[in-house]
Amino acid sequence: MFLSFSLFFLLISTVTQNTVTAISSEMSEAVMQHHKQFLMNATECKVKVGATEEDVLIFLSRKKLPETRTGDCMIACMMEKMELMKDGK
């Protein structure tokens, strides 16, 4: 009986671990895809509105909102691309 329970527990543990690993891998891939899209949006919007490298660095590296007009426009552009805002609202 103990041996059967031990094997059952080992089987469940292995299946659970493999499932978690697979889910974790899928989530990592999804996060990487969203990150890639976010950076593409940032690059496209920077060019579109004429934002500076400093605007981008402030937002991406320092995690603050840019204080320039072009920086604001870049953020608005990115929000529109992510469908969080439409027509500036």
C-alpha atoms as a PDB file:
ATOM      1  CA  MET A   1       0.000   0.000   0.000  1.00  0.00           C
ATOM      2  CA  PHE A   2       2.756   2.456   0.968  1.00  0.00           C
ATOM      3  CA  LEU A   3       4.630   1.704  -2.261  1.00  0.00           C
ATOM      4  CA  SER A   4       1.511   2.349  -4.334  1.00  0.00           C
ATOM      5  CA  PHE A   5       0.889   5.645  -2.558  1.00  0.00           C
ATOM      6  CA  SER A   6       4.531   6.669  -3.022  1.00  0.00           C
ATOM      7  CA  LEU A   7       4.409   5.911  -6.739  1.00  0.00           C
ATOM      8  CA  PHE A   8       1.100   7.745  -7.068  1.00  0.00           C
ATOM      9  CA  PHE A   9       2.547  10.787  -5.265  1.00  0.00           C
ATOM     10  CA  LEU A  10       5.686  10.696  -7.443  1.00  0.00           C
ATOM     11  CA  LEU A  11       3.556  10.487 -10.586  1.00  0.00           C
ATOM     12  CA  ILE A  12       1.338  13.400  -9.517  1.00  0.00           C
ATOM     13  CA  SER A  13       4.376  15.478  -8.533  1.00  0.00           C
ATOM     14  CA  THR A  14       6.065  14.839 -11.875  1.00  0.00           C
ATOM     15  CA  VAL A  15       2.943  15.633 -13.898  1.00  0.00           C
ATOM     16  CA  THR A  16       2.332  18.789 -11.872  1.00  0.00           C
ATOM     17  CA  GLN A  17       5.932  19.946 -12.243  1.00  0.00           C
ATOM     18  CA  ASN A  18       5.885  19.324 -16.007  1.00  0.00           C
ATOM     19  CA  THR A  19       2.569  21.153 -16.323  1.00  0.00           C
ATOM     20  CA  VAL A  20       3.862  24.136 -14.347  1.00  0.00           C
ATOM     21  CA  THR A  21       7.031  24.190 -16.454  1.00  0.00           C
ATOM     22  CA  ALA A  22       4.989  24.122 -19.662  1.00  0.00           C
ATOM     23  CA  ILE A  23       2.676  26.875 -18.448  1.00  0.00           C
ATOM     24  CA  SER A  24       5.642  28.906 -17.245  1.00  0.00           C
ATOM     25  CA  SER A  25       7.309  28.518 -20.641  1.00  0.00           C
ATOM     26  CA  GLU A  26       4.137  29.606 -22.456  1.00  0.00           C
ATOM     27  CA  MET A  27       3.752  32.597 -20.140  1.00  0.00           C
ATOM     28  CA  SER A  28       7.387  33.564 -20.664  1.00  0.00           C
ATOM     29  CA  GLU A  29       6.875  33.441 -24.420  1.00  0.00           C
ATOM     30  CA  ALA A  30       3.730  35.591 -24.148  1.00  0.00           C
ATOM     31  CA  VAL A  31       5.510  38.121 -21.938  1.00  0.00           C
ATOM     32  CA  MET A  32       8.437  38.290 -24.359  1.00  0.00           C
ATOM     33  CA  GLN A  33       6.044  38.817 -27.277  1.00  0.00           C
ATOM     34  CA  HIS A  34       4.268  41.654 -25.458  1.00  0.00           C
ATOM     35  CA  HIS A  35       7.615  43.209 -24.517  1.00  0.00           C
ATOM     36  CA  LYS A  36       8.777  43.038 -28.137  1.00  0.00           C
ATOM     37  CA  GLN A  37       5.535  44.673 -29.324  1.00  0.00           C
ATOM     38  CA  PHE A  38       5.840  47.362 -26.632  1.00  0.00           C
ATOM     39  CA  LEU A  39       9.362  48.261 -27.777  1.00  0.00           C
ATOM     40  CA  MET A  40       8.260  48.313 -31.430  1.00  0.00           C
ATOM     41  CA  ASN A  41       5.405  50.671 -30.502  1.00  0.00           C
ATOM     42  CA  ALA A  42       7.803  52.905 -28.569  1.00  0.00           C
ATOM     43  CA  THR A  43      10.176  53.085 -31.539  1.00  0.00           C
ATOM     44  CA  GLU A  44       7.406  53.776 -34.058  1.00  0.00           C
ATOM     45  CA  CYS A  45       5.815  56.438 -31.856  1.00  0.00           C
ATOM     46  CA  LYS A  46       9.181  58.099 -31.127  1.00  0.00           C
ATOM     47  CA  VAL A  47       9.758  58.562 -34.847  1.00  0.00           C
ATOM     48  CA  LYS A  48       6.136  59.531 -35.569  1.00  0.00           C
ATOM     49  CA  VAL A  49       6.007  62.387 -33.038  1.00  0.00           C
ATOM     50  CA  GLY A  50       9.678  63.395 -33.078  1.00  0.00           C
ATOM     51  CA  ALA A  51      10.383  62.432 -29.460  1.00  0.00           C
ATOM     52  CA  THR A  52      13.978  62.550 -28.278  1.00  0.00           C
ATOM     53  CA  GLU A  53      16.155  59.727 -27.009  1.00  0.00           C
ATOM     54  CA  GLU A  54      15.909  61.404 -23.591  1.00  0.00           C
ATOM     55  CA  ASP A  55      12.085  61.109 -23.709  1.00  0.00           C
ATOM     56  CA  VAL A  56      12.407  57.388 -24.395  1.00  0.00           C
ATOM     57  CA  LEU A  57      15.075  56.846 -21.729  1.00  0.00           C
ATOM     58  CA  ILE A  58      13.069  58.687 -19.094  1.00  0.00           C
ATOM     59  CA  PHE A  59      10.069  56.507 -19.803  1.00  0.00           C
ATOM     60  CA  LEU A  60      11.741  53.133 -20.295  1.00  0.00           C
ATOM     61  CA  SER A  61      14.751  53.303 -17.972  1.00  0.00           C
ATOM     62  CA  ARG A  62      13.658  55.613 -15.218  1.00  0.00           C
ATOM     63  CA  LYS A  63       9.981  54.582 -15.400  1.00  0.00           C
ATOM     64  CA  LYS A  64       8.804  58.176 -15.303  1.00  0.00           C
ATOM     65  CA  LEU A  65       6.623  60.088 -17.701  1.00  0.00           C
ATOM     66  CA  PRO A  66       8.480  62.467 -19.999  1.00  0.00           C
ATOM     67  CA  GLU A  67       7.866  66.159 -19.295  1.00  0.00           C
ATOM     68  CA  THR A  68       8.190  67.390 -22.887  1.00  0.00           C
ATOM     69  CA  ARG A  69       5.375  67.869 -25.382  1.00  0.00           C
ATOM     70  CA  THR A  70       6.893  65.281 -27.740  1.00  0.00           C
ATOM     71  CA  GLY A  71       7.284  62.877 -24.821  1.00  0.00           C
ATOM     72  CA  ASP A  72       3.602  63.291 -23.969  1.00  0.00           C
ATOM     73  CA  CYS A  73       2.687  62.685 -27.598  1.00  0.00           C
ATOM     74  CA  MET A  74       4.851  59.557 -27.676  1.00  0.00           C
ATOM     75  CA  ILE A  75       3.041  58.156 -24.630  1.00  0.00           C
ATOM     76  CA  ALA A  76      -0.350  59.003 -26.159  1.00  0.00           C
ATOM     77  CA  CYS A  77       0.678  57.308 -29.417  1.00  0.00           C
ATOM     78  CA  MET A  78       1.757  54.189 -27.543  1.00  0.00           C
ATOM     79  CA  MET A  79      -1.501  54.106 -25.593  1.00  0.00           C
ATOM     80  CA  GLU A  80      -3.468  54.340 -28.830  1.00  0.00           C
ATOM     81  CA  LYS A  81      -1.448  51.498 -30.347  1.00  0.00           C
ATOM     82  CA  MET A  82      -2.217  49.370 -27.272  1.00  0.00           C
ATOM     83  CA  GLU A  83      -5.897  50.378 -27.613  1.00  0.00           C
ATOM     84  CA  LEU A  84      -5.928  51.996 -24.181  1.00  0.00           C
ATOM     85  CA  MET A  85      -6.867  55.350 -25.671  1.00  0.00           C
ATOM     86  CA  LYS A  86      -8.609  56.488 -28.842  1.00  0.00           C
ATOM     87  CA  ASP A  87      -8.362  59.889 -30.525  1.00  0.00           C
ATOM     88  CA  GLY A  88      -6.323  61.283 -27.645  1.00  0.00           C
ATOM     89  CA  LYS A  89      -8.939  60.363 -25.030  1.00  0.00           C
END
